[in-house]
C-alpha atoms as a PDB file:
ATOM      1  CA  UNK A   1      37.910  36.082 105.731  1.00  0.00           C
ATOM      2  CA  UNK A   2      37.854  33.327 103.375  1.00  0.00           C
ATOM      3  CA  UNK A   3      36.765  34.488  99.986  1.00  0.00           C
ATOM      4  CA  UNK A   4      36.818  31.709  97.668  1.00  0.00           C
ATOM      5  CA  UNK A   5      35.422  32.451  94.257  1.00  0.00           C
ATOM      6  CA  UNK A   6      34.431  29.840  91.860  1.00  0.00           C
ATOM      7  CA  UNK A   7      34.353  30.247  88.108  1.00  0.00           C
ATOM      8  CA  UNK A   8      30.565  30.188  87.887  1.00  0.00           C
ATOM      9  CA  UNK A   9      30.011  33.043  90.360  1.00  0.00           C
ATOM     10  CA  UNK A  10      32.398  35.456  88.602  1.00  0.00           C
ATOM     11  CA  UNK A  11      30.584  35.642  85.254  1.00  0.00           C
ATOM     12  CA  UNK A  12      27.617  37.733  86.404  1.00  0.00           C
ATOM     13  CA  UNK A  13      30.049  40.365  87.752  1.00  0.00           C
ATOM     14  CA  UNK A  14      31.980  40.365  84.503  1.00  0.00           C
ATOM     15  CA  UNK A  15      28.812  40.870  82.474  1.00  0.00           C
ATOM     16  CA  UNK A  16      27.520  43.665  84.736  1.00  0.00           C
ATOM     17  CA  UNK A  17      30.931  45.364  84.716  1.00  0.00           C
ATOM     18  CA  UNK A  18      31.119  45.131  80.924  1.00  0.00           C
ATOM     19  CA  UNK A  19      27.643  46.618  80.537  1.00  0.00           C
ATOM     20  CA  UNK A  20      28.484  49.523  82.866  1.00  0.00           C
ATOM     21  CA  UNK A  21      31.785  50.123  81.082  1.00  0.00           C
ATOM     22  CA  UNK A  22      30.090  50.036  77.703  1.00  0.00           C
ATOM     23  CA  UNK A  23      27.419  52.496  78.845  1.00  0.00           C
ATOM     24  CA  UNK A  24      30.021  54.902  80.287  1.00  0.00           C
ATOM     25  CA  UNK A  25      32.093  54.597  77.135  1.00  0.00           C
ATOM     26  CA  UNK A  26      29.032  55.295  74.980  1.00  0.00           C
ATOM     27  CA  UNK A  27      28.053  58.356  77.036  1.00  0.00           C
ATOM     28  CA  UNK A  28      31.527  59.912  77.034  1.00  0.00           C
ATOM     29  CA  UNK A  29      33.135  58.743  73.804  1.00  0.00           C
ATOM     30  CA  UNK A  30      30.466  59.041  71.085  1.00  0.00           C
ATOM     31  CA  UNK A  31      28.523  61.960  69.625  1.00  0.00           C
ATOM     32  CA  UNK A  32      25.251  60.169  70.293  1.00  0.00           C
ATOM     33  CA  UNK A  33      26.341  59.663  73.911  1.00  0.00           C
ATOM     34  CA  UNK A  34      27.090  63.383  74.261  1.00  0.00           C
ATOM     35  CA  UNK A  35      23.560  64.157  72.996  1.00  0.00           C
ATOM     36  CA  UNK A  36      22.080  61.760  75.551  1.00  0.00           C
ATOM     37  CA  UNK A  37      24.161  63.351  78.331  1.00  0.00           C
ATOM     38  CA  UNK A  38      23.036  66.797  77.241  1.00  0.00           C
ATOM     39  CA  UNK A  39      19.384  65.677  77.193  1.00  0.00           C
ATOM     40  CA  UNK A  40      19.772  64.304  80.732  1.00  0.00           C
ATOM     41  CA  UNK A  41      21.474  67.405  82.085  1.00  0.00           C
ATOM     42  CA  UNK A  42      19.167  69.852  80.250  1.00  0.00           C
ATOM     43  CA  UNK A  43      15.655  68.328  80.213  1.00  0.00           C
ATOM     44  CA  UNK A  44      14.074  71.555  78.914  1.00  0.00           C
ATOM     45  CA  UNK A  45      16.092  71.180  75.696  1.00  0.00           C
ATOM     46  CA  UNK A  46      14.893  67.585  75.416  1.00  0.00           C
ATOM     47  CA  UNK A  47      11.328  68.892  75.429  1.00  0.00           C
ATOM     48  CA  UNK A  48      12.250  71.306  72.611  1.00  0.00           C
ATOM     49  CA  UNK A  49      13.926  68.486  70.722  1.00  0.00           C
ATOM     50  CA  UNK A  50      10.855  66.274  71.144  1.00  0.00           C
ATOM     51  CA  UNK A  51       8.626  69.140  69.986  1.00  0.00           C
ATOM     52  CA  UNK A  52      10.898  69.659  66.969  1.00  0.00           C
ATOM     53  CA  UNK A  53      10.860  65.948  66.223  1.00  0.00           C
ATOM     54  CA  UNK A  54       7.088  65.896  66.494  1.00  0.00           C
ATOM     55  CA  UNK A  55       6.683  68.859  64.124  1.00  0.00           C
ATOM     56  CA  UNK A  56       9.237  67.317  61.741  1.00  0.00           C
ATOM     57  CA  UNK A  57       7.287  64.046  61.713  1.00  0.00           C
ATOM     58  CA  UNK A  58       4.002  65.917  61.191  1.00  0.00           C
ATOM     59  CA  UNK A  59       5.476  67.856  58.239  1.00  0.00           C
ATOM     60  CA  UNK A  60       6.853  64.705  56.671  1.00  0.00           C
ATOM     61  CA  UNK A  61       3.547  62.896  57.294  1.00  0.00           C
ATOM     62  CA  UNK A  62       1.681  65.746  55.551  1.00  0.00           C
ATOM     63  CA  UNK A  63       4.084  65.561  52.603  1.00  0.00           C
ATOM     64  CA  UNK A  64       3.648  61.800  52.328  1.00  0.00           C
ATOM     65  CA  UNK A  65      -0.128  62.134  52.722  1.00  0.00           C
ATOM     66  CA  UNK A  66      -0.226  64.816  50.012  1.00  0.00           C
ATOM     67  CA  UNK A  67       1.848  62.621  47.715  1.00  0.00           C
ATOM     68  CA  UNK A  68      -0.438  59.651  48.341  1.00  0.00           C
ATOM     69  CA  UNK A  69      -3.522  61.797  47.688  1.00  0.00           C
ATOM     70  CA  UNK A  70      -1.886  63.170  44.543  1.00  0.00           C
ATOM     71  CA  UNK A  71      -1.101  59.652  43.352  1.00  0.00           C
ATOM     72  CA  UNK A  72      -4.649  58.498  44.086  1.00  0.00           C
ATOM     73  CA  UNK A  73      -6.024  61.548  42.241  1.00  0.00           C
ATOM     74  CA  UNK A  74      -3.833  60.832  39.215  1.00  0.00           C
ATOM     75  CA  UNK A  75      -4.874  57.184  39.297  1.00  0.00           C
ATOM     76  CA  UNK A  76      -8.570  58.205  39.367  1.00  0.00           C
ATOM     77  CA  UNK A  77      -8.023  60.653  36.500  1.00  0.00           C
ATOM     78  CA  UNK A  78      -6.240  57.954  34.508  1.00  0.00           C
ATOM     79  CA  UNK A  79      -9.073  55.513  35.095  1.00  0.00           C
ATOM     80  CA  UNK A  80     -11.664  58.122  34.123  1.00  0.00           C
ATOM     81  CA  UNK A  81      -9.663  58.976  31.001  1.00  0.00           C
ATOM     82  CA  UNK A  82      -9.480  55.277  30.134  1.00  0.00           C
ATOM     83  CA  UNK A  83     -13.220  54.885  30.607  1.00  0.00           C
ATOM     84  CA  UNK A  84     -13.859  57.999  28.509  1.00  0.00           C
ATOM     85  CA  UNK A  85     -11.579  56.673  25.736  1.00  0.00           C
ATOM     86  CA  UNK A  86     -13.394  53.316  25.887  1.00  0.00           C
ATOM     87  CA  UNK A  87     -16.807  55.006  25.591  1.00  0.00           C
ATOM     88  CA  UNK A  88     -15.610  57.230  22.731  1.00  0.00           C
ATOM     89  CA  UNK A  89     -14.159  54.241  20.885  1.00  0.00           C
ATOM     90  CA  UNK A  90     -17.463  52.396  21.327  1.00  0.00           C
ATOM     91  CA  UNK A  91     -19.436  55.370  20.047  1.00  0.00           C
ATOM     92  CA  UNK A  92     -17.061  55.746  17.085  1.00  0.00           C
ATOM     93  CA  UNK A  93     -17.438  52.043  16.313  1.00  0.00           C
ATOM     94  CA  UNK A  94     -21.243  52.257  16.436  1.00  0.00           C
ATOM     95  CA  UNK A  95     -21.173  55.403  14.264  1.00  0.00           C
ATOM     96  CA  UNK A  96     -18.991  53.685  11.673  1.00  0.00           C
ATOM     97  CA  UNK A  97     -21.218  50.604  11.757  1.00  0.00           C
ATOM     98  CA  UNK A  98     -24.302  52.785  11.133  1.00  0.00           C
ATOM     99  CA  UNK A  99     -22.521  54.580   8.261  1.00  0.00           C
ATOM    100  CA  UNK A 100     -21.491  51.261   6.759  1.00  0.00           C
ATOM    101  CA  UNK A 101     -25.040  49.933   7.108  1.00  0.00           C
ATOM    102  CA  UNK A 102     -26.481  53.051   5.426  1.00  0.00           C
ATOM    103  CA  UNK A 103     -23.913  52.791   2.627  1.00  0.00           C
ATOM    104  CA  UNK A 104     -24.734  49.104   2.232  1.00  0.00           C
ATOM    105  CA  UNK A 105     -28.440  49.973   2.013  1.00  0.00           C
ATOM    106  CA  UNK A 106     -27.677  52.639  -0.618  1.00  0.00           C
ATOM    107  CA  UNK A 107     -25.600  50.212  -2.701  1.00  0.00           C
ATOM    108  CA  UNK A 108     -28.278  47.531  -2.423  1.00  0.00           C
ATOM    109  CA  UNK A 109     -30.943  50.027  -3.456  1.00  0.00           C
ATOM    110  CA  UNK A 110     -28.844  51.172  -6.432  1.00  0.00           C
ATOM    111  CA  UNK A 111     -28.252  47.557  -7.488  1.00  0.00           C
ATOM    112  CA  UNK A 112     -32.010  46.857  -7.350  1.00  0.00           C
ATOM    113  CA  UNK A 113     -32.737  50.033  -9.344  1.00  0.00           C
ATOM    114  CA  UNK A 114     -30.079  49.125 -11.905  1.00  0.00           C
ATOM    115  CA  UNK A 115     -31.421  45.591 -12.309  1.00  0.00           C
ATOM    116  CA  UNK A 116     -34.953  46.987 -12.720  1.00  0.00           C
ATOM    117  CA  UNK A 117     -33.735  49.489 -15.332  1.00  0.00           C
ATOM    118  CA  UNK A 118     -31.870  46.725 -17.182  1.00  0.00           C
ATOM    119  CA  UNK A 119     -35.038  44.627 -17.176  1.00  0.00           C
ATOM    120  CA  UNK A 120     -37.047  47.570 -18.533  1.00  0.00           C
ATOM    121  CA  UNK A 121     -34.356  48.200 -21.146  1.00  0.00           C
ATOM    122  CA  UNK A 122     -34.444  44.543 -22.220  1.00  0.00           C
ATOM    123  CA  UNK A 123     -38.241  44.665 -22.578  1.00  0.00           C
ATOM    124  CA  UNK A 124     -38.004  47.954 -24.485  1.00  0.00           C
ATOM    125  CA  UNK A 125     -35.350  46.516 -26.842  1.00  0.00           C
ATOM    126  CA  UNK A 126     -37.490  43.448 -27.338  1.00  0.00           C
ATOM    127  CA  UNK A 127     -40.538  45.514 -28.216  1.00  0.00           C
ATOM    128  CA  UNK A 128     -38.806  48.184 -30.283  1.00  0.00           C
ATOM    129  CA  UNK A 129     -36.109  46.115 -32.061  1.00  0.00           C
ATOM    130  CA  UNK A 130     -36.750  42.392 -31.989  1.00  0.00           C
ATOM    131  CA  UNK A 131     -40.516  42.467 -32.588  1.00  0.00           C
ATOM    132  CA  UNK A 132     -40.194  44.670 -35.692  1.00  0.00           C
ATOM    133  CA  UNK A 133     -37.432  42.393 -37.002  1.00  0.00           C
ATOM    134  CA  UNK A 134     -39.695  39.349 -36.540  1.00  0.00           C
ATOM    135  CA  UNK A 135     -42.572  41.213 -38.164  1.00  0.00           C
ATOM    136  CA  UNK A 136     -40.332  42.167 -41.089  1.00  0.00           C
ATOM    137  CA  UNK A 137     -39.328  38.514 -41.463  1.00  0.00           C
ATOM    138  CA  UNK A 138     -42.992  37.485 -41.456  1.00  0.00           C
ATOM    139  CA  UNK A 139     -43.808  40.261 -43.929  1.00  0.00           C
ATOM    140  CA  UNK A 140     -40.930  39.132 -46.150  1.00  0.00           C
ATOM    141  CA  UNK A 141     -42.199  35.518 -46.086  1.00  0.00           C
ATOM    142  CA  UNK A 142     -45.688  36.683 -46.856  1.00  0.00           C
ATOM    143  CA  UNK A 143     -44.546  38.813 -49.796  1.00  0.00           C
ATOM    144  CA  UNK A 144     -42.322  36.005 -51.040  1.00  0.00           C
ATOM    145  CA  UNK A 145     -45.200  33.494 -50.934  1.00  0.00           C
ATOM    146  CA  UNK A 146     -47.513  35.957 -52.577  1.00  0.00           C
ATOM    147  CA  UNK A 147     -45.040  36.530 -55.429  1.00  0.00           C
ATOM    148  CA  UNK A 148     -44.478  32.767 -55.833  1.00  0.00           C
ATOM    149  CA  UNK A 149     -48.195  32.152 -56.024  1.00  0.00           C
ATOM    150  CA  UNK A 150     -48.634  34.986 -58.438  1.00  0.00           C
ATOM    151  CA  UNK A 151     -46.057  33.542 -60.766  1.00  0.00           C
ATOM    152  CA  UNK A 152     -47.178  29.988 -60.133  1.00  0.00           C
ATOM    153  CA  UNK A 153     -44.269  28.768 -58.246  1.00  0.00           C
ATOM    154  CA  UNK A 154     -45.817  27.213 -55.254  1.00  0.00           C
ATOM    155  CA  UNK A 155     -43.583  26.286 -52.411  1.00  0.00           C
ATOM    156  CA  UNK A 156     -43.935  23.297 -50.165  1.00  0.00           C
ATOM    157  CA  UNK A 157     -43.186  25.327 -47.097  1.00  0.00           C
ATOM    158  CA  UNK A 158     -46.047  25.779 -44.699  1.00  0.00           C
ATOM    159  CA  UNK A 159     -47.025  28.799 -42.677  1.00  0.00           C
ATOM    160  CA  UNK A 160     -45.756  27.273 -39.428  1.00  0.00           C
ATOM    161  CA  UNK A 161     -42.114  27.210 -40.542  1.00  0.00           C
ATOM    162  CA  UNK A 162     -39.693  30.042 -39.844  1.00  0.00           C
ATOM    163  CA  UNK A 163     -39.002  32.093 -36.757  1.00  0.00           C
ATOM    164  CA  UNK A 164     -41.786  32.806 -34.285  1.00  0.00           C
ATOM    165  CA  UNK A 165     -42.126  36.409 -33.139  1.00  0.00           C
ATOM    166  CA  UNK A 166     -40.709  37.019 -29.661  1.00  0.00           C
ATOM    167  CA  UNK A 167     -43.970  38.214 -28.150  1.00  0.00           C
ATOM    168  CA  UNK A 168     -45.649  34.954 -29.214  1.00  0.00           C
ATOM    169  CA  UNK A 169     -42.876  32.920 -27.535  1.00  0.00           C
ATOM    170  CA  UNK A 170     -42.892  34.835 -24.262  1.00  0.00           C
ATOM    171  CA  UNK A 171     -46.601  35.349 -23.996  1.00  0.00           C
ATOM    172  CA  UNK A 172     -46.857  39.094 -24.615  1.00  0.00           C
END
């Protein structure tokens, strides 16, 4: 038999042999390999392990789902609280604006009343103080002229000279 092997036909055998050796080494030399061997030799335990893995995944999925729902609930509450704070701030602003407007109206009303009272006071002072003073001045001039005429000392001053009473100037 003539078995002549070339370099290119040997490599597939080397690769297959390496893969088989690696698999055997994995199965017999590692802890994970021992678990795989056990699962192969005891398939009923594999079913229990799969059931345990399934229940473990379901529990963890429920925990994650609960956490996500909790986070979403907190986010909704935070948004609602923010909206409530925004509305309250707006209402407080409008309330303060109304108070300020009412206070402004009160001040304006008081200013108008004060100006009106000052005007009335000025008219009252004019009538009760200035008019009598003007009348006393006119009375004084009249008495003075009468005395001058009585004693013959006539003055060159005419009636139109001297201060004019306030009510004649203003039109009262």
